[in-house]
PDB file of N, CA and C in Angstrom:
ATOM      1  N   UNK A   1      -4.555-126.955 -23.873  1.00  0.00           N
ATOM      2  CA  UNK A   1      -5.791-126.868 -24.640  1.00  0.00           C
ATOM      3  C   UNK A   1      -7.003-126.829 -23.708  1.00  0.00           C
ATOM      4  N   UNK A   2      -6.951-127.666 -22.690  1.00  0.00           N
ATOM      5  CA  UNK A   2      -8.054-127.721 -21.746  1.00  0.00           C
ATOM      6  C   UNK A   2      -8.189-126.412 -20.970  1.00  0.00           C
ATOM      7  N   UNK A   3      -7.071-125.802 -20.668  1.00  0.00           N
ATOM      8  CA  UNK A   3      -7.074-124.543 -19.935  1.00  0.00           C
ATOM      9  C   UNK A   3      -7.657-123.430 -20.800  1.00  0.00           C
ATOM     10  N   UNK A   4      -7.315-123.399 -22.078  1.00  0.00           N
ATOM     11  CA  UNK A   4      -7.846-122.378 -22.985  1.00  0.00           C
ATOM     12  C   UNK A   4      -9.365-122.531 -23.107  1.00  0.00           C
ATOM     13  N   UNK A   5      -9.838-123.753 -23.230  1.00  0.00           N
ATOM     14  CA  UNK A   5     -11.270-124.017 -23.320  1.00  0.00           C
ATOM     15  C   UNK A   5     -11.982-123.597 -22.026  1.00  0.00           C
ATOM     16  N   UNK A   6     -11.367-123.839 -20.898  1.00  0.00           N
ATOM     17  CA  UNK A   6     -11.937-123.434 -19.618  1.00  0.00           C
ATOM     18  C   UNK A   6     -12.043-121.925 -19.492  1.00  0.00           C
ATOM     19  N   UNK A   7     -10.987-121.207 -19.919  1.00  0.00           N
ATOM     20  CA  UNK A   7     -11.006-119.745 -19.853  1.00  0.00           C
ATOM     21  C   UNK A   7     -12.048-119.185 -20.818  1.00  0.00           C
ATOM     22  N   UNK A   8     -12.142-119.743 -22.020  1.00  0.00           N
ATOM     23  CA  UNK A   8     -13.140-119.279 -22.984  1.00  0.00           C
ATOM     24  C   UNK A   8     -14.566-119.518 -22.488  1.00  0.00           C
ATOM     25  N   UNK A   9     -14.810-120.671 -21.868  1.00  0.00           N
ATOM     26  CA  UNK A   9     -16.151-120.937 -21.350  1.00  0.00           C
ATOM     27  C   UNK A   9     -16.473-120.019 -20.167  1.00  0.00           C
ATOM     28  N   UNK A  10     -15.473-119.707 -19.366  1.00  0.00           N
ATOM     29  CA  UNK A  10     -15.673-118.772 -18.263  1.00  0.00           C
ATOM     30  C   UNK A  10     -15.988-117.374 -18.793  1.00  0.00           C
ATOM     31  N   UNK A  11     -15.276-116.931 -19.813  1.00  0.00           N
ATOM     32  CA  UNK A  11     -15.549-115.631 -20.418  1.00  0.00           C
ATOM     33  C   UNK A  11     -16.938-115.590 -21.050  1.00  0.00           C
ATOM     34  N   UNK A  12     -17.340-116.676 -21.671  1.00  0.00           N
ATOM     35  CA  UNK A  12     -18.676-116.752 -22.258  1.00  0.00           C
ATOM     36  C   UNK A  12     -19.749-116.659 -21.166  1.00  0.00           C
ATOM     37  N   UNK A  13     -19.534-117.355 -20.057  1.00  0.00           N
ATOM     38  CA  UNK A  13     -20.499-117.307 -18.955  1.00  0.00           C
ATOM     39  C   UNK A  13     -20.588-115.897 -18.372  1.00  0.00           C
ATOM     40  N   UNK A  14     -19.454-115.217 -18.210  1.00  0.00           N
ATOM     41  CA  UNK A  14     -19.445-113.851 -17.691  1.00  0.00           C
ATOM     42  C   UNK A  14     -20.143-112.909 -18.668  1.00  0.00           C
ATOM     43  N   UNK A  15     -19.943-113.117 -19.965  1.00  0.00           N
ATOM     44  CA  UNK A  15     -20.590-112.269 -20.959  1.00  0.00           C
ATOM     45  C   UNK A  15     -22.109-112.451 -20.926  1.00  0.00           C
ATOM     46  N   UNK A  16     -22.586-113.672 -20.780  1.00  0.00           N
ATOM     47  CA  UNK A  16     -24.019-113.940 -20.724  1.00  0.00           C
ATOM     48  C   UNK A  16     -24.621-113.307 -19.468  1.00  0.00           C
ATOM     49  N   UNK A  17     -23.960-113.464 -18.331  1.00  0.00           N
ATOM     50  CA  UNK A  17     -24.460-112.873 -17.089  1.00  0.00           C
ATOM     51  C   UNK A  17     -24.456-111.354 -17.195  1.00  0.00           C
ATOM     52  N   UNK A  18     -23.420-110.780 -17.774  1.00  0.00           N
ATOM     53  CA  UNK A  18     -23.363-109.332 -17.949  1.00  0.00           C
ATOM     54  C   UNK A  18     -24.471-108.821 -18.847  1.00  0.00           C
ATOM     55  N   UNK A  19     -24.736-109.547 -19.927  1.00  0.00           N
ATOM     56  CA  UNK A  19     -25.807-109.160 -20.840  1.00  0.00           C
ATOM     57  C   UNK A  19     -27.165-109.212 -20.144  1.00  0.00           C
ATOM     58  N   UNK A  20     -27.418-110.279 -19.399  1.00  0.00           N
ATOM     59  CA  UNK A  20     -28.693-110.402 -18.698  1.00  0.00           C
ATOM     60  C   UNK A  20     -28.839-109.344 -17.612  1.00  0.00           C
ATOM     61  N   UNK A  21     -27.756-109.034 -16.911  1.00  0.00           N
ATOM     62  CA  UNK A  21     -27.814-107.996 -15.879  1.00  0.00           C
ATOM     63  C   UNK A  21     -28.084-106.635 -16.504  1.00  0.00           C
ATOM     64  N   UNK A  22     -27.443-106.351 -17.619  1.00  0.00           N
ATOM     65  CA  UNK A  22     -27.660-105.076 -18.306  1.00  0.00           C
ATOM     66  C   UNK A  22     -29.105-104.962 -18.776  1.00  0.00           C
ATOM     67  N   UNK A  23     -29.638-106.039 -19.315  1.00  0.00           N
ATOM     68  CA  UNK A  23     -31.014-106.045 -19.786  1.00  0.00           C
ATOM     69  C   UNK A  23     -31.982-105.853 -18.621  1.00  0.00           C
ATOM     70  N   UNK A  24     -31.714-106.498 -17.493  1.00  0.00           N
ATOM     71  CA  UNK A  24     -32.582-106.366 -16.321  1.00  0.00           C
ATOM     72  C   UNK A  24     -32.527-104.953 -15.765  1.00  0.00           C
ATOM     73  N   UNK A  25     -31.345-104.376 -15.671  1.00  0.00           N
ATOM     74  CA  UNK A  25     -31.215-103.019 -15.147  1.00  0.00           C
ATOM     75  C   UNK A  25     -31.866-101.998 -16.074  1.00  0.00           C
ATOM     76  N   UNK A  26     -31.814-102.246 -17.360  1.00  0.00           N
ATOM     77  CA  UNK A  26     -32.452-101.338 -18.305  1.00  0.00           C
ATOM     78  C   UNK A  26     -33.970-101.375 -18.133  1.00  0.00           C
ATOM     79  N   UNK A  27     -34.543-102.559 -17.898  1.00  0.00           N
ATOM     80  CA  UNK A  27     -35.994-102.651 -17.723  1.00  0.00           C
ATOM     81  C   UNK A  27     -36.429-102.064 -16.391  1.00  0.00           C
ATOM     82  N   UNK A  28     -35.625-102.196 -15.351  1.00  0.00           N
ATOM     83  CA  UNK A  28     -35.957-101.619 -14.053  1.00  0.00           C
ATOM     84  C   UNK A  28     -35.816-100.107 -14.109  1.00  0.00           C
ATOM     85  N   UNK A  29     -34.856 -99.601 -14.842  1.00  0.00           N
ATOM     86  CA  UNK A  29     -34.640 -98.165 -14.941  1.00  0.00           C
ATOM     87  C   UNK A  29     -35.739 -97.450 -15.691  1.00  0.00           C
ATOM     88  N   UNK A  30     -36.509 -98.173 -16.498  1.00  0.00           N
ATOM     89  CA  UNK A  30     -37.565 -97.535 -17.278  1.00  0.00           C
ATOM     90  C   UNK A  30     -38.894 -97.469 -16.533  1.00  0.00           C
ATOM     91  N   UNK A  31     -38.950 -97.998 -15.294  1.00  0.00           N
ATOM     92  CA  UNK A  31     -40.182 -97.931 -14.519  1.00  0.00           C
ATOM     93  C   UNK A  31     -40.441 -96.494 -14.081  1.00  0.00           C
ATOM     94  N   UNK A  32     -41.704 -96.084 -14.064  1.00  0.00           N
ATOM     95  CA  UNK A  32     -42.000 -94.722 -13.604  1.00  0.00           C
ATOM     96  C   UNK A  32     -41.792 -94.625 -12.104  1.00  0.00           C
ATOM     97  N   UNK A  33     -41.232 -93.517 -11.662  1.00  0.00           N
ATOM     98  CA  UNK A  33     -41.033 -93.303 -10.238  1.00  0.00           C
ATOM     99  C   UNK A  33     -42.107 -92.360  -9.740  1.00  0.00           C
ATOM    100  N   UNK A  34     -42.716 -92.690  -8.610  1.00  0.00           N
ATOM    101  CA  UNK A  34     -43.760 -91.816  -8.093  1.00  0.00           C
ATOM    102  C   UNK A  34     -43.170 -90.516  -7.587  1.00  0.00           C
ATOM    103  N   UNK A  35     -43.819 -89.423  -7.935  1.00  0.00           N
ATOM    104  CA  UNK A  35     -43.363 -88.108  -7.513  1.00  0.00           C
ATOM    105  C   UNK A  35     -44.202 -87.644  -6.336  1.00  0.00           C
ATOM    106  N   UNK A  36     -43.558 -87.076  -5.342  1.00  0.00           N
ATOM    107  CA  UNK A  36     -44.265 -86.563  -4.178  1.00  0.00           C
ATOM    108  C   UNK A  36     -44.354 -85.061  -4.314  1.00  0.00           C
ATOM    109  N   UNK A  37     -45.572 -84.578  -4.389  1.00  0.00           N
ATOM    110  CA  UNK A  37     -45.771 -83.140  -4.454  1.00  0.00           C
ATOM    111  C   UNK A  37     -46.360 -82.672  -3.137  1.00  0.00           C
ATOM    112  N   UNK A  38     -46.428 -81.397  -2.947  1.00  0.00           N
ATOM    113  CA  UNK A  38     -46.942 -80.850  -1.693  1.00  0.00           C
ATOM    114  C   UNK A  38     -48.442 -81.047  -1.614  1.00  0.00           C
ATOM    115  N   UNK A  39     -48.866 -82.069  -0.864  1.00  0.00           N
ATOM    116  CA  UNK A  39     -50.291 -82.254  -0.631  1.00  0.00           C
ATOM    117  C   UNK A  39     -50.988 -83.266  -1.525  1.00  0.00           C
ATOM    118  N   UNK A  40     -50.378 -83.707  -2.616  1.00  0.00           N
ATOM    119  CA  UNK A  40     -51.049 -84.661  -3.492  1.00  0.00           C
ATOM    120  C   UNK A  40     -50.025 -85.564  -4.150  1.00  0.00           C
ATOM    121  N   UNK A  41     -50.420 -86.805  -4.379  1.00  0.00           N
ATOM    122  CA  UNK A  41     -49.523 -87.728  -5.068  1.00  0.00           C
ATOM    123  C   UNK A  41     -49.869 -87.748  -6.542  1.00  0.00           C
ATOM    124  N   UNK A  42     -48.906 -88.110  -7.349  1.00  0.00           N
ATOM    125  CA  UNK A  42     -49.085 -88.107  -8.788  1.00  0.00           C
ATOM    126  C   UNK A  42     -49.654 -89.448  -9.215  1.00  0.00           C
ATOM    127  N   UNK A  43     -50.947 -89.615  -9.150  1.00  0.00           N
ATOM    128  CA  UNK A  43     -51.587 -90.875  -9.498  1.00  0.00           C
ATOM    129  C   UNK A  43     -51.788 -91.008 -10.995  1.00  0.00           C
ATOM    130  N   UNK A  44     -51.590 -89.951 -11.749  1.00  0.00           N
ATOM    131  CA  UNK A  44     -51.791 -90.036 -13.181  1.00  0.00           C
ATOM    132  C   UNK A  44     -50.661 -90.794 -13.865  1.00  0.00           C
ATOM    133  N   UNK A  45     -49.445 -90.759 -13.316  1.00  0.00           N
ATOM    134  CA  UNK A  45     -48.329 -91.452 -13.931  1.00  0.00           C
ATOM    135  C   UNK A  45     -48.077 -92.804 -13.308  1.00  0.00           C
ATOM    136  N   UNK A  46     -48.601 -93.049 -12.112  1.00  0.00           N
ATOM    137  CA  UNK A  46     -48.341 -94.288 -11.401  1.00  0.00           C
ATOM    138  C   UNK A  46     -49.672 -94.884 -10.977  1.00  0.00           C
ATOM    139  N   UNK A  47     -49.739 -96.199 -10.975  1.00  0.00           N
ATOM    140  CA  UNK A  47     -50.941 -96.880 -10.512  1.00  0.00           C
ATOM    141  C   UNK A  47     -51.245 -96.454  -9.079  1.00  0.00           C
ATOM    142  N   UNK A  48     -52.507 -96.366  -8.745  1.00  0.00           N
ATOM    143  CA  UNK A  48     -52.910 -95.873  -7.425  1.00  0.00           C
ATOM    144  C   UNK A  48     -52.381 -96.757  -6.301  1.00  0.00           C
ATOM    145  N   UNK A  49     -52.231 -98.060  -6.524  1.00  0.00           N
ATOM    146  CA  UNK A  49     -51.721 -98.934  -5.480  1.00  0.00           C
ATOM    147  C   UNK A  49     -50.226 -98.754  -5.262  1.00  0.00           C
ATOM    148  N   UNK A  50     -49.520 -98.179  -6.245  1.00  0.00           N
ATOM    149  CA  UNK A  50     -48.085 -97.973  -6.117  1.00  0.00           C
ATOM    150  C   UNK A  50     -47.725 -96.559  -5.677  1.00  0.00           C
ATOM    151  N   UNK A  51     -48.695 -95.671  -5.652  1.00  0.00           N
ATOM    152  CA  UNK A  51     -48.418 -94.272  -5.349  1.00  0.00           C
ATOM    153  C   UNK A  51     -48.085 -94.102  -3.870  1.00  0.00           C
ATOM    154  N   UNK A  52     -47.215 -93.164  -3.594  1.00  0.00           N
ATOM    155  CA  UNK A  52     -46.874 -92.845  -2.221  1.00  0.00           C
ATOM    156  C   UNK A  52     -48.014 -92.067  -1.590  1.00  0.00           C
ATOM    157  N   UNK A  53     -48.182 -92.208  -0.273  1.00  0.00           N
ATOM    158  CA  UNK A  53     -49.254 -91.446   0.362  1.00  0.00           C
ATOM    159  C   UNK A  53     -48.971 -89.959   0.304  1.00  0.00           C
ATOM    160  N   UNK A  54     -50.029 -89.183   0.204  1.00  0.00           N
ATOM    161  CA  UNK A  54     -49.851 -87.737   0.143  1.00  0.00           C
ATOM    162  C   UNK A  54     -49.676 -87.210   1.565  1.00  0.00           C
ATOM    163  N   UNK A  55     -48.596 -86.483   1.763  1.00  0.00           N
ATOM    164  CA  UNK A  55     -48.257 -85.941   3.068  1.00  0.00           C
ATOM    165  C   UNK A  55     -48.031 -84.453   2.907  1.00  0.00           C
ATOM    166  N   UNK A  56     -48.609 -83.680   3.807  1.00  0.00           N
ATOM    167  CA  UNK A  56     -48.424 -82.242   3.757  1.00  0.00           C
ATOM    168  C   UNK A  56     -46.981 -81.899   4.121  1.00  0.00           C
ATOM    169  N   UNK A  57     -46.342 -81.115   3.284  1.00  0.00           N
ATOM    170  CA  UNK A  57     -44.945 -80.765   3.505  1.00  0.00           C
ATOM    171  C   UNK A  57     -44.771 -79.806   4.674  1.00  0.00           C
ATOM    172  N   UNK A  58     -45.839 -79.126   5.069  1.00  0.00           N
ATOM    173  CA  UNK A  58     -45.735 -78.154   6.153  1.00  0.00           C
ATOM    174  C   UNK A  58     -45.893 -78.797   7.527  1.00  0.00           C
ATOM    175  N   UNK A  59     -46.252 -80.066   7.590  1.00  0.00           N
ATOM    176  CA  UNK A  59     -46.436 -80.747   8.867  1.00  0.00           C
ATOM    177  C   UNK A  59     -45.093 -81.085   9.493  1.00  0.00           C
ATOM    178  N   UNK A  60     -45.111 -81.238  10.831  1.00  0.00           N
ATOM    179  CA  UNK A  60     -43.884 -81.690  11.473  1.00  0.00           C
ATOM    180  C   UNK A  60     -43.817 -83.210  11.412  1.00  0.00           C
ATOM    181  N   UNK A  61     -42.760 -83.773  11.929  1.00  0.00           N
ATOM    182  CA  UNK A  61     -42.522 -85.213  11.791  1.00  0.00           C
ATOM    183  C   UNK A  61     -43.597 -86.018  12.511  1.00  0.00           C
ATOM    184  N   UNK A  62     -44.007 -85.577  13.672  1.00  0.00           N
ATOM    185  CA  UNK A  62     -45.015 -86.309  14.427  1.00  0.00           C
ATOM    186  C   UNK A  62     -46.351 -86.324  13.681  1.00  0.00           C
ATOM    187  N   UNK A  63     -46.741 -85.201  13.107  1.00  0.00           N
ATOM    188  CA  UNK A  63     -47.990 -85.144  12.348  1.00  0.00           C
ATOM    189  C   UNK A  63     -47.902 -86.002  11.088  1.00  0.00           C
ATOM    190  N   UNK A  64     -46.741 -85.977  10.424  1.00  0.00           N
ATOM    191  CA  UNK A  64     -46.565 -86.798   9.228  1.00  0.00           C
ATOM    192  C   UNK A  64     -46.647 -88.277   9.583  1.00  0.00           C
ATOM    193  N   UNK A  65     -46.030 -88.656  10.701  1.00  0.00           N
ATOM    194  CA  UNK A  65     -46.068 -90.048  11.135  1.00  0.00           C
ATOM    195  C   UNK A  65     -47.489 -90.484  11.437  1.00  0.00           C
ATOM    196  N   UNK A  66     -48.237 -89.658  12.133  1.00  0.00           N
ATOM    197  CA  UNK A  66     -49.625 -89.967  12.456  1.00  0.00           C
ATOM    198  C   UNK A  66     -50.468 -90.076  11.189  1.00  0.00           C
ATOM    199  N   UNK A  67     -50.223 -89.184  10.235  1.00  0.00           N
ATOM    200  CA  UNK A  67     -50.974 -89.209   8.978  1.00  0.00           C
ATOM    201  C   UNK A  67     -50.669 -90.484   8.186  1.00  0.00           C
ATOM    202  N   UNK A  68     -49.408 -90.895   8.147  1.00  0.00           N
ATOM    203  CA  UNK A  68     -49.046 -92.127   7.442  1.00  0.00           C
ATOM    204  C   UNK A  68     -49.683 -93.323   8.119  1.00  0.00           C
ATOM    205  N   UNK A  69     -49.686 -93.350   9.456  1.00  0.00           N
ATOM    206  CA  UNK A  69     -50.302 -94.457  10.177  1.00  0.00           C
ATOM    207  C   UNK A  69     -51.799 -94.536   9.887  1.00  0.00           C
ATOM    208  N   UNK A  70     -52.466 -93.397   9.854  1.00  0.00           N
ATOM    209  CA  UNK A  70     -53.894 -93.385   9.564  1.00  0.00           C
ATOM    210  C   UNK A  70     -54.173 -93.846   8.134  1.00  0.00           C
ATOM    211  N   UNK A  71     -53.343 -93.420   7.183  1.00  0.00           N
ATOM    212  CA  UNK A  71     -53.530 -93.846   5.795  1.00  0.00           C
ATOM    213  C   UNK A  71     -53.283 -95.341   5.655  1.00  0.00           C
ATOM    214  N   UNK A  72     -52.280 -95.869   6.367  1.00  0.00           N
ATOM    215  CA  UNK A  72     -51.995 -97.305   6.313  1.00  0.00           C
ATOM    216  C   UNK A  72     -53.154 -98.094   6.917  1.00  0.00           C
ATOM    217  N   UNK A  73     -53.679 -97.624   8.036  1.00  0.00           N
ATOM    218  CA  UNK A  73     -54.801 -98.297   8.679  1.00  0.00           C
ATOM    219  C   UNK A  73     -56.020 -98.302   7.761  1.00  0.00           C
ATOM    220  N   UNK A  74     -56.290 -97.172   7.105  1.00  0.00           N
ATOM    221  CA  UNK A  74     -57.422 -97.094   6.188  1.00  0.00           C
ATOM    222  C   UNK A  74     -57.228 -98.029   4.994  1.00  0.00           C
ATOM    223  N   UNK A  75     -56.009 -98.099   4.478  1.00  0.00           N
ATOM    224  CA  UNK A  75     -55.738 -98.988   3.347  1.00  0.00           C
ATOM    225  C   UNK A  75     -55.869-100.447   3.754  1.00  0.00           C
ATOM    226  N   UNK A  76     -55.408-100.789   4.956  1.00  0.00           N
ATOM    227  CA  UNK A  76     -55.519-102.169   5.437  1.00  0.00           C
ATOM    228  C   UNK A  76     -56.979-102.546   5.643  1.00  0.00           C
ATOM    229  N   UNK A  77     -57.771-101.635   6.213  1.00  0.00           N
ATOM    230  CA  UNK A  77     -59.188-101.915   6.405  1.00  0.00           C
ATOM    231  C   UNK A  77     -59.919-102.042   5.066  1.00  0.00           C
ATOM    232  N   UNK A  78     -59.543-101.224   4.091  1.00  0.00           N
ATOM    233  CA  UNK A  78     -60.158-101.321   2.765  1.00  0.00           C
ATOM    234  C   UNK A  78     -59.798-102.646   2.104  1.00  0.00           C
ATOM    235  N   UNK A  79     -58.574-103.110   2.309  1.00  0.00           N
ATOM    236  CA  UNK A  79     -58.166-104.395   1.729  1.00  0.00           C
ATOM    237  C   UNK A  79     -58.898-105.548   2.390  1.00  0.00           C
ATOM    238  N   UNK A  80     -59.163-105.430   3.677  1.00  0.00           N
ATOM    239  CA  UNK A  80     -59.874-106.490   4.387  1.00  0.00           C
ATOM    240  C   UNK A  80     -61.349-106.544   3.996  1.00  0.00           C
ATOM    241  N   UNK A  81     -61.908-105.449   3.504  1.00  0.00           N
ATOM    242  CA  UNK A  81     -63.313-105.411   3.120  1.00  0.00           C
ATOM    243  C   UNK A  81     -63.552-106.052   1.759  1.00  0.00           C
ATOM    244  N   UNK A  82     -62.496-106.312   1.000  1.00  0.00           N
ATOM    245  CA  UNK A  82     -62.643-106.895  -0.330  1.00  0.00           C
ATOM    246  C   UNK A  82     -63.174-108.317  -0.258  1.00  0.00           C
ATOM    247  N   UNK A  83     -63.820-108.754  -1.317  1.00  0.00           N
ATOM    248  CA  UNK A  83     -64.378-110.105  -1.367  1.00  0.00           C
ATOM    249  C   UNK A  83     -63.260-111.136  -1.466  1.00  0.00           C
ATOM    250  N   UNK A  84     -63.445-112.257  -0.840  1.00  0.00           N
ATOM    251  CA  UNK A  84     -62.459-113.336  -0.896  1.00  0.00           C
ATOM    252  C   UNK A  84     -62.572-114.042  -2.243  1.00  0.00           C
ATOM    253  N   UNK A  85     -61.435-114.370  -2.820  1.00  0.00           N
ATOM    254  CA  UNK A  85     -61.444-115.025  -4.125  1.00  0.00           C
ATOM    255  C   UNK A  85     -61.540-116.535  -3.994  1.00  0.00           C
ATOM    256  N   UNK A  86     -61.067-117.096  -2.878  1.00  0.00           N
ATOM    257  CA  UNK A  86     -61.112-118.540  -2.673  1.00  0.00           C
ATOM    258  C   UNK A  86     -61.964-118.855  -1.448  1.00  0.00           C
ATOM    259  N   UNK A  87     -62.816-119.868  -1.543  1.00  0.00           N
ATOM    260  CA  UNK A  87     -63.616-120.238  -0.365  1.00  0.00           C
ATOM    261  C   UNK A  87     -62.722-120.873   0.696  1.00  0.00           C
ATOM    262  N   UNK A  88     -63.106-120.714   1.939  1.00  0.00           N
ATOM    263  CA  UNK A  88     -62.368-121.314   3.036  1.00  0.00           C
ATOM    264  C   UNK A  88     -62.716-122.796   3.081  1.00  0.00           C
ATOM    265  N   UNK A  89     -61.730-123.684   2.880  1.00  0.00           N
ATOM    266  CA  UNK A  89     -61.990-125.125   2.786  1.00  0.00           C
ATOM    267  C   UNK A  89     -61.713-125.867   4.081  1.00  0.00           C
ATOM    268  N   UNK A  90     -61.312-125.172   5.116  1.00  0.00           N
ATOM    269  CA  UNK A  90     -60.976-125.873   6.358  1.00  0.00           C
ATOM    270  C   UNK A  90     -62.172-126.145   7.188  1.00  0.00           C
TER     271      UNK A  90
END
């Protein structure tokens, strides 16, 4: 009797985990994916902070790398220019 109860509780636990995993995967699968087009990112379907940087498809790898580095540097500098939300208490 104890063994049957143990197997049933194990099956119930597996069913609950499976249900939660299915629900989580369904919600993740419904997120919009950013599309990369030649020269422009699709900011209309995705928030601007989540959009991939626009890279020219005709550039070689070195130029693309340099362009990504420059865009990252510009984004980091723009983030540093924002106002602080909490005062420095130290």
